[in-house]
């Protein structure tokens, strides 16, 4: 069953749906009260990892069922989006953020909004969302459509979910953060609510992100079975 579309759907349902269900206040708050924050996070991580592994294996073994044939030019979409996604990914995982797991203490710092947070308060999720949407545009088989659409829903639907959870936890501290950051990259800066902190982002993060993109691009035929460009 692992190689069927049904198996992929089940993996995605648990992976994507599990994130939303376990992050919702009606389920999360009683569970945290019963078993504690750290134990809940550990169980959450184990469930997410198991569901992700199931999804990846099911996707790799799923039959190729063509739904539509994307034009050749659509393969340039991920090539244009992935350098930005890679930089956001590297900057997101190397910058302390109030929207990260256990990151609420960042708001106690005098300059909490800095670095990549002046671009978006959800750099990691935006990186994942860009990866998913750009690859969704370039792939027309059923398994890819299900995978990339599911991950996109998780990434972009997860932003308001995380914001709501953080708002409940930090209360008054949420207002200044919301006023000076945005979910959409560069939106807060374009609206004049914050200045991009290029120094805080750092040349090394940009270089590391572009290096990651170059490596993934070069290795694409080995792990994806095809060249990443037309």
C-alpha atoms as a PDB file:
ATOM      1  CA  UNK A   1       0.000   0.000   0.000  1.00  0.00           C
ATOM      2  CA  UNK A   2       2.958   2.329   0.583  1.00  0.00           C
ATOM      3  CA  UNK A   3       3.383   2.880  -3.138  1.00  0.00           C
ATOM      4  CA  UNK A   4      -0.174   3.939  -3.830  1.00  0.00           C
ATOM      5  CA  UNK A   5      -1.731   7.388  -4.118  1.00  0.00           C
ATOM      6  CA  UNK A   6      -3.884   6.424  -1.128  1.00  0.00           C
ATOM      7  CA  UNK A   7      -0.741   5.976   0.969  1.00  0.00           C
ATOM      8  CA  UNK A   8       0.497   9.406  -0.081  1.00  0.00           C
ATOM      9  CA  UNK A   9      -2.843  10.969   0.791  1.00  0.00           C
ATOM     10  CA  UNK A  10      -2.797   9.300   4.189  1.00  0.00           C
ATOM     11  CA  UNK A  11       0.729  10.521   4.903  1.00  0.00           C
ATOM     12  CA  UNK A  12      -0.149  14.058   3.876  1.00  0.00           C
ATOM     13  CA  UNK A  13      -3.352  13.998   5.915  1.00  0.00           C
ATOM     14  CA  UNK A  14      -1.438  13.014   9.045  1.00  0.00           C
ATOM     15  CA  UNK A  15       1.521  15.329   8.371  1.00  0.00           C
ATOM     16  CA  UNK A  16      -0.438  18.431   7.356  1.00  0.00           C
ATOM     17  CA  UNK A  17      -3.591  17.816   9.352  1.00  0.00           C
ATOM     18  CA  UNK A  18      -1.621  16.756  12.416  1.00  0.00           C
ATOM     19  CA  UNK A  19       0.250  20.060  12.478  1.00  0.00           C
ATOM     20  CA  UNK A  20      -2.982  22.056  12.444  1.00  0.00           C
ATOM     21  CA  UNK A  21      -4.802  19.778  14.887  1.00  0.00           C
ATOM     22  CA  UNK A  22      -2.023  19.615  17.476  1.00  0.00           C
ATOM     23  CA  UNK A  23      -1.411  23.366  17.205  1.00  0.00           C
ATOM     24  CA  UNK A  24      -5.047  24.254  17.864  1.00  0.00           C
ATOM     25  CA  UNK A  25      -5.886  25.543  21.328  1.00  0.00           C
ATOM     26  CA  UNK A  26      -8.685  22.984  22.027  1.00  0.00           C
ATOM     27  CA  UNK A  27      -6.220  20.094  21.598  1.00  0.00           C
ATOM     28  CA  UNK A  28      -2.871  21.641  22.447  1.00  0.00           C
ATOM     29  CA  UNK A  29      -3.692  23.439  25.690  1.00  0.00           C
ATOM     30  CA  UNK A  30      -5.246  20.446  27.529  1.00  0.00           C
ATOM     31  CA  UNK A  31      -2.445  18.172  26.310  1.00  0.00           C
ATOM     32  CA  UNK A  32       0.272  20.577  27.512  1.00  0.00           C
ATOM     33  CA  UNK A  33      -1.491  20.911  30.858  1.00  0.00           C
ATOM     34  CA  UNK A  34      -1.656  17.133  31.223  1.00  0.00           C
ATOM     35  CA  UNK A  35       1.841  16.047  30.107  1.00  0.00           C
ATOM     36  CA  UNK A  36       3.885  19.270  30.120  1.00  0.00           C
ATOM     37  CA  UNK A  37       5.275  21.535  27.402  1.00  0.00           C
ATOM     38  CA  UNK A  38       8.533  19.678  26.743  1.00  0.00           C
ATOM     39  CA  UNK A  39       6.941  16.239  26.536  1.00  0.00           C
ATOM     40  CA  UNK A  40       4.224  17.558  24.248  1.00  0.00           C
ATOM     41  CA  UNK A  41       6.821  19.092  21.927  1.00  0.00           C
ATOM     42  CA  UNK A  42       8.726  15.819  21.839  1.00  0.00           C
ATOM     43  CA  UNK A  43       5.650  13.779  20.944  1.00  0.00           C
ATOM     44  CA  UNK A  44       4.642  16.406  18.379  1.00  0.00           C
ATOM     45  CA  UNK A  45       8.082  16.204  16.750  1.00  0.00           C
ATOM     46  CA  UNK A  46       8.041  12.387  16.661  1.00  0.00           C
ATOM     47  CA  UNK A  47       4.603  12.304  15.047  1.00  0.00           C
ATOM     48  CA  UNK A  48       5.609  14.928  12.483  1.00  0.00           C
ATOM     49  CA  UNK A  49       8.850  13.085  11.648  1.00  0.00           C
ATOM     50  CA  UNK A  50       7.078   9.745  11.251  1.00  0.00           C
ATOM     51  CA  UNK A  51       4.373  11.277   9.044  1.00  0.00           C
ATOM     52  CA  UNK A  52       6.989  13.094   6.941  1.00  0.00           C
ATOM     53  CA  UNK A  53       8.984   9.895   6.426  1.00  0.00           C
ATOM     54  CA  UNK A  54       5.801   8.038   5.429  1.00  0.00           C
ATOM     55  CA  UNK A  55       4.922  10.831   2.974  1.00  0.00           C
ATOM     56  CA  UNK A  56       8.379  10.918   1.368  1.00  0.00           C
ATOM     57  CA  UNK A  57       8.455   7.133   0.929  1.00  0.00           C
ATOM     58  CA  UNK A  58       4.921   7.071  -0.462  1.00  0.00           C
ATOM     59  CA  UNK A  59       5.712   9.890  -2.884  1.00  0.00           C
ATOM     60  CA  UNK A  60       8.836   8.122  -4.117  1.00  0.00           C
ATOM     61  CA  UNK A  61       6.929   4.899  -4.763  1.00  0.00           C
ATOM     62  CA  UNK A  62       3.717   6.421  -6.134  1.00  0.00           C
ATOM     63  CA  UNK A  63       2.809   5.676  -9.769  1.00  0.00           C
ATOM     64  CA  UNK A  64       3.148   8.428 -12.350  1.00  0.00           C
ATOM     65  CA  UNK A  65      -0.350   9.628 -13.200  1.00  0.00           C
ATOM     66  CA  UNK A  66      -0.225  12.654 -15.490  1.00  0.00           C
ATOM     67  CA  UNK A  67      -2.899  15.260 -14.813  1.00  0.00           C
ATOM     68  CA  UNK A  68      -1.541  17.943 -17.130  1.00  0.00           C
ATOM     69  CA  UNK A  69       1.654  18.742 -19.027  1.00  0.00           C
ATOM     70  CA  UNK A  70       3.298  21.943 -17.775  1.00  0.00           C
ATOM     71  CA  UNK A  71       4.930  24.051 -20.526  1.00  0.00           C
ATOM     72  CA  UNK A  72       8.717  23.902 -20.556  1.00  0.00           C
ATOM     73  CA  UNK A  73       9.016  27.515 -19.352  1.00  0.00           C
ATOM     74  CA  UNK A  74       7.365  26.622 -16.032  1.00  0.00           C
ATOM     75  CA  UNK A  75      10.554  24.810 -15.042  1.00  0.00           C
ATOM     76  CA  UNK A  76      12.193  28.220 -14.746  1.00  0.00           C
ATOM     77  CA  UNK A  77       9.792  29.141 -11.924  1.00  0.00           C
ATOM     78  CA  UNK A  78      11.578  27.031  -9.269  1.00  0.00           C
ATOM     79  CA  UNK A  79      14.932  28.137 -10.686  1.00  0.00           C
ATOM     80  CA  UNK A  80      13.974  31.754  -9.993  1.00  0.00           C
ATOM     81  CA  UNK A  81      12.263  31.105  -6.659  1.00  0.00           C
ATOM     82  CA  UNK A  82      14.714  28.702  -5.054  1.00  0.00           C
ATOM     83  CA  UNK A  83      17.671  31.094  -4.534  1.00  0.00           C
ATOM     84  CA  UNK A  84      15.406  33.333  -2.408  1.00  0.00           C
ATOM     85  CA  UNK A  85      13.914  30.288  -0.678  1.00  0.00           C
ATOM     86  CA  UNK A  86      17.371  28.971   0.189  1.00  0.00           C
ATOM     87  CA  UNK A  87      18.480  32.318   1.635  1.00  0.00           C
ATOM     88  CA  UNK A  88      15.277  32.555   3.691  1.00  0.00           C
ATOM     89  CA  UNK A  89      15.809  28.988   4.907  1.00  0.00           C
ATOM     90  CA  UNK A  90      19.386  29.584   6.056  1.00  0.00           C
ATOM     91  CA  UNK A  91      18.590  32.970   7.579  1.00  0.00           C
ATOM     92  CA  UNK A  92      15.482  31.568   9.256  1.00  0.00           C
ATOM     93  CA  UNK A  93      17.216  28.669  10.999  1.00  0.00           C
ATOM     94  CA  UNK A  94      20.206  30.790  12.092  1.00  0.00           C
ATOM     95  CA  UNK A  95      18.236  33.737  13.500  1.00  0.00           C
ATOM     96  CA  UNK A  96      16.456  33.652  16.860  1.00  0.00           C
ATOM     97  CA  UNK A  97      12.780  34.301  16.200  1.00  0.00           C
ATOM     98  CA  UNK A  98       9.715  34.723  18.426  1.00  0.00           C
ATOM     99  CA  UNK A  99       7.705  32.577  15.995  1.00  0.00           C
ATOM    100  CA  UNK A 100      10.098  29.622  16.370  1.00  0.00           C
ATOM    101  CA  UNK A 101       9.449  26.849  18.903  1.00  0.00           C
ATOM    102  CA  UNK A 102      10.171  28.273  22.346  1.00  0.00           C
ATOM    103  CA  UNK A 103      11.216  31.610  20.864  1.00  0.00           C
ATOM    104  CA  UNK A 104       8.910  33.863  22.874  1.00  0.00           C
ATOM    105  CA  UNK A 105      11.829  35.038  25.027  1.00  0.00           C
ATOM    106  CA  UNK A 106      13.206  36.924  22.003  1.00  0.00           C
ATOM    107  CA  UNK A 107      10.490  39.520  22.612  1.00  0.00           C
ATOM    108  CA  UNK A 108      12.180  40.398  25.929  1.00  0.00           C
ATOM    109  CA  UNK A 109      15.188  41.741  24.030  1.00  0.00           C
ATOM    110  CA  UNK A 110      15.316  45.512  23.339  1.00  0.00           C
ATOM    111  CA  UNK A 111      15.657  44.940  19.573  1.00  0.00           C
ATOM    112  CA  UNK A 112      13.613  41.824  18.916  1.00  0.00           C
ATOM    113  CA  UNK A 113      12.892  42.568  15.247  1.00  0.00           C
ATOM    114  CA  UNK A 114      16.207  42.286  13.438  1.00  0.00           C
ATOM    115  CA  UNK A 115      17.924  40.445  10.641  1.00  0.00           C
ATOM    116  CA  UNK A 116      15.652  38.366   8.437  1.00  0.00           C
ATOM    117  CA  UNK A 117      12.682  39.190  10.686  1.00  0.00           C
ATOM    118  CA  UNK A 118      12.630  42.598   9.000  1.00  0.00           C
ATOM    119  CA  UNK A 119      11.911  40.716   5.773  1.00  0.00           C
ATOM    120  CA  UNK A 120       9.277  38.373   7.221  1.00  0.00           C
ATOM    121  CA  UNK A 121       8.466  37.020  10.662  1.00  0.00           C
ATOM    122  CA  UNK A 122       8.133  33.548   9.101  1.00  0.00           C
ATOM    123  CA  UNK A 123      11.327  33.061   7.047  1.00  0.00           C
ATOM    124  CA  UNK A 124      11.392  29.258   7.371  1.00  0.00           C
ATOM    125  CA  UNK A 125       7.746  28.778   6.397  1.00  0.00           C
ATOM    126  CA  UNK A 126       8.112  31.195   3.485  1.00  0.00           C
ATOM    127  CA  UNK A 127      11.119  29.200   2.275  1.00  0.00           C
ATOM    128  CA  UNK A 128       9.112  25.974   2.404  1.00  0.00           C
ATOM    129  CA  UNK A 129       6.100  27.651   0.777  1.00  0.00           C
ATOM    130  CA  UNK A 130       8.191  29.044  -2.082  1.00  0.00           C
ATOM    131  CA  UNK A 131       9.710  25.619  -2.662  1.00  0.00           C
ATOM    132  CA  UNK A 132       6.279  23.980  -2.724  1.00  0.00           C
ATOM    133  CA  UNK A 133       4.471  26.513  -4.923  1.00  0.00           C
ATOM    134  CA  UNK A 134       7.300  26.846  -7.436  1.00  0.00           C
ATOM    135  CA  UNK A 135       7.554  23.068  -7.822  1.00  0.00           C
ATOM    136  CA  UNK A 136       3.776  22.747  -8.002  1.00  0.00           C
ATOM    137  CA  UNK A 137       3.824  25.020 -11.061  1.00  0.00           C
ATOM    138  CA  UNK A 138       6.432  22.871 -12.798  1.00  0.00           C
ATOM    139  CA  UNK A 139       5.027  19.394 -12.115  1.00  0.00           C
ATOM    140  CA  UNK A 140       1.831  17.970 -13.573  1.00  0.00           C
ATOM    141  CA  UNK A 141       1.664  14.425 -12.202  1.00  0.00           C
ATOM    142  CA  UNK A 142      -0.872  13.584  -9.500  1.00  0.00           C
ATOM    143  CA  UNK A 143       1.601  12.605  -6.781  1.00  0.00           C
ATOM    144  CA  UNK A 144       3.575  15.844  -7.187  1.00  0.00           C
ATOM    145  CA  UNK A 145       0.427  17.954  -7.219  1.00  0.00           C
ATOM    146  CA  UNK A 146      -0.743  16.337  -3.975  1.00  0.00           C
ATOM    147  CA  UNK A 147       2.651  16.641  -2.287  1.00  0.00           C
ATOM    148  CA  UNK A 148       3.475  20.221  -3.216  1.00  0.00           C
ATOM    149  CA  UNK A 149      -0.073  21.477  -2.704  1.00  0.00           C
ATOM    150  CA  UNK A 150      -0.211  19.834   0.722  1.00  0.00           C
ATOM    151  CA  UNK A 151       3.103  21.334   1.809  1.00  0.00           C
ATOM    152  CA  UNK A 152       2.048  24.761   0.507  1.00  0.00           C
ATOM    153  CA  UNK A 153      -1.154  24.568   2.558  1.00  0.00           C
ATOM    154  CA  UNK A 154       0.879  23.661   5.629  1.00  0.00           C
ATOM    155  CA  UNK A 155       3.410  26.460   5.096  1.00  0.00           C
ATOM    156  CA  UNK A 156       1.039  29.313   4.341  1.00  0.00           C
ATOM    157  CA  UNK A 157      -1.780  28.080   6.571  1.00  0.00           C
ATOM    158  CA  UNK A 158       0.707  27.581   9.375  1.00  0.00           C
ATOM    159  CA  UNK A 159       1.613  31.274   9.500  1.00  0.00           C
ATOM    160  CA  UNK A 160      -1.712  32.565  10.876  1.00  0.00           C
ATOM    161  CA  UNK A 161      -1.886  29.506  13.116  1.00  0.00           C
ATOM    162  CA  UNK A 162       1.518  30.281  14.646  1.00  0.00           C
ATOM    163  CA  UNK A 163       0.618  33.960  14.916  1.00  0.00           C
ATOM    164  CA  UNK A 164      -2.556  33.124  16.827  1.00  0.00           C
ATOM    165  CA  UNK A 165      -0.672  30.852  19.223  1.00  0.00           C
ATOM    166  CA  UNK A 166       2.036  33.454  19.820  1.00  0.00           C
ATOM    167  CA  UNK A 167      -0.586  36.186  20.341  1.00  0.00           C
ATOM    168  CA  UNK A 168      -2.199  34.112  23.098  1.00  0.00           C
ATOM    169  CA  UNK A 169       1.125  33.447  24.803  1.00  0.00           C
ATOM    170  CA  UNK A 170       2.712  36.915  24.756  1.00  0.00           C
ATOM    171  CA  UNK A 171      -0.442  39.075  24.832  1.00  0.00           C
ATOM    172  CA  UNK A 172       0.619  42.761  24.864  1.00  0.00           C
ATOM    173  CA  UNK A 173       4.028  42.048  23.320  1.00  0.00           C
ATOM    174  CA  UNK A 174       2.304  40.849  20.154  1.00  0.00           C
ATOM    175  CA  UNK A 175       1.256  44.347  19.047  1.00  0.00           C
ATOM    176  CA  UNK A 176       4.749  45.804  18.453  1.00  0.00           C
ATOM    177  CA  UNK A 177       5.849  42.605  16.680  1.00  0.00           C
ATOM    178  CA  UNK A 178       2.825  42.599  14.370  1.00  0.00           C
ATOM    179  CA  UNK A 179       3.269  46.290  13.587  1.00  0.00           C
ATOM    180  CA  UNK A 180       6.902  45.947  12.501  1.00  0.00           C
ATOM    181  CA  UNK A 181       6.828  42.586  10.699  1.00  0.00           C
ATOM    182  CA  UNK A 182       4.773  40.822   8.053  1.00  0.00           C
ATOM    183  CA  UNK A 183       3.993  37.303   6.872  1.00  0.00           C
ATOM    184  CA  UNK A 184       4.527  38.317   3.237  1.00  0.00           C
ATOM    185  CA  UNK A 185       8.240  38.920   2.563  1.00  0.00           C
ATOM    186  CA  UNK A 186       9.195  42.611   2.274  1.00  0.00           C
ATOM    187  CA  UNK A 187       5.598  43.800   2.841  1.00  0.00           C
ATOM    188  CA  UNK A 188       6.282  45.550   6.156  1.00  0.00           C
ATOM    189  CA  UNK A 189       9.303  47.274   4.614  1.00  0.00           C
ATOM    190  CA  UNK A 190       7.326  48.304   1.525  1.00  0.00           C
ATOM    191  CA  UNK A 191       4.671  49.810   3.806  1.00  0.00           C
ATOM    192  CA  UNK A 192       7.286  51.781   5.728  1.00  0.00           C
ATOM    193  CA  UNK A 193       6.740  49.880   8.983  1.00  0.00           C
ATOM    194  CA  UNK A 194      10.330  48.625   9.206  1.00  0.00           C
ATOM    195  CA  UNK A 195      13.696  49.002   7.486  1.00  0.00           C
ATOM    196  CA  UNK A 196      15.404  45.922   6.124  1.00  0.00           C
ATOM    197  CA  UNK A 197      18.270  45.062   8.475  1.00  0.00           C
ATOM    198  CA  UNK A 198      20.792  43.990   5.840  1.00  0.00           C
ATOM    199  CA  UNK A 199      23.646  44.076   8.344  1.00  0.00           C
ATOM    200  CA  UNK A 200      21.710  41.822  10.700  1.00  0.00           C
ATOM    201  CA  UNK A 201      20.965  39.393   7.871  1.00  0.00           C
ATOM    202  CA  UNK A 202      24.665  39.294   7.092  1.00  0.00           C
ATOM    203  CA  UNK A 203      26.586  38.564   3.924  1.00  0.00           C
ATOM    204  CA  UNK A 204      27.461  35.119   5.229  1.00  0.00           C
ATOM    205  CA  UNK A 205      23.802  34.067   5.444  1.00  0.00           C
ATOM    206  CA  UNK A 206      23.159  35.201   1.886  1.00  0.00           C
ATOM    207  CA  UNK A 207      26.303  33.416   0.689  1.00  0.00           C
ATOM    208  CA  UNK A 208      25.410  30.247   2.603  1.00  0.00           C
ATOM    209  CA  UNK A 209      21.874  30.300   1.203  1.00  0.00           C
ATOM    210  CA  UNK A 210      23.083  30.726  -2.351  1.00  0.00           C
ATOM    211  CA  UNK A 211      25.657  27.994  -1.778  1.00  0.00           C
ATOM    212  CA  UNK A 212      22.904  25.673  -0.569  1.00  0.00           C
ATOM    213  CA  UNK A 213      20.829  26.491  -3.648  1.00  0.00           C
ATOM    214  CA  UNK A 214      23.805  25.863  -5.960  1.00  0.00           C
ATOM    215  CA  UNK A 215      24.460  22.486  -4.324  1.00  0.00           C
ATOM    216  CA  UNK A 216      20.807  21.423  -4.523  1.00  0.00           C
ATOM    217  CA  UNK A 217      20.682  22.590  -8.119  1.00  0.00           C
ATOM    218  CA  UNK A 218      23.779  20.624  -9.099  1.00  0.00           C
ATOM    219  CA  UNK A 219      22.617  17.471  -7.292  1.00  0.00           C
ATOM    220  CA  UNK A 220      19.034  17.681  -8.570  1.00  0.00           C
ATOM    221  CA  UNK A 221      19.482  14.913 -11.212  1.00  0.00           C
ATOM    222  CA  UNK A 222      20.665  12.515  -8.483  1.00  0.00           C
ATOM    223  CA  UNK A 223      17.890  12.989  -5.912  1.00  0.00           C
ATOM    224  CA  UNK A 224      15.033  14.064  -8.233  1.00  0.00           C
ATOM    225  CA  UNK A 225      15.982  12.175 -11.377  1.00  0.00           C
ATOM    226  CA  UNK A 226      15.881  15.195 -13.718  1.00  0.00           C
ATOM    227  CA  UNK A 227      17.676  18.421 -14.566  1.00  0.00           C
ATOM    228  CA  UNK A 228      16.161  21.428 -12.765  1.00  0.00           C
ATOM    229  CA  UNK A 229      16.018  23.596 -15.907  1.00  0.00           C
ATOM    230  CA  UNK A 230      14.578  23.122 -19.403  1.00  0.00           C
END
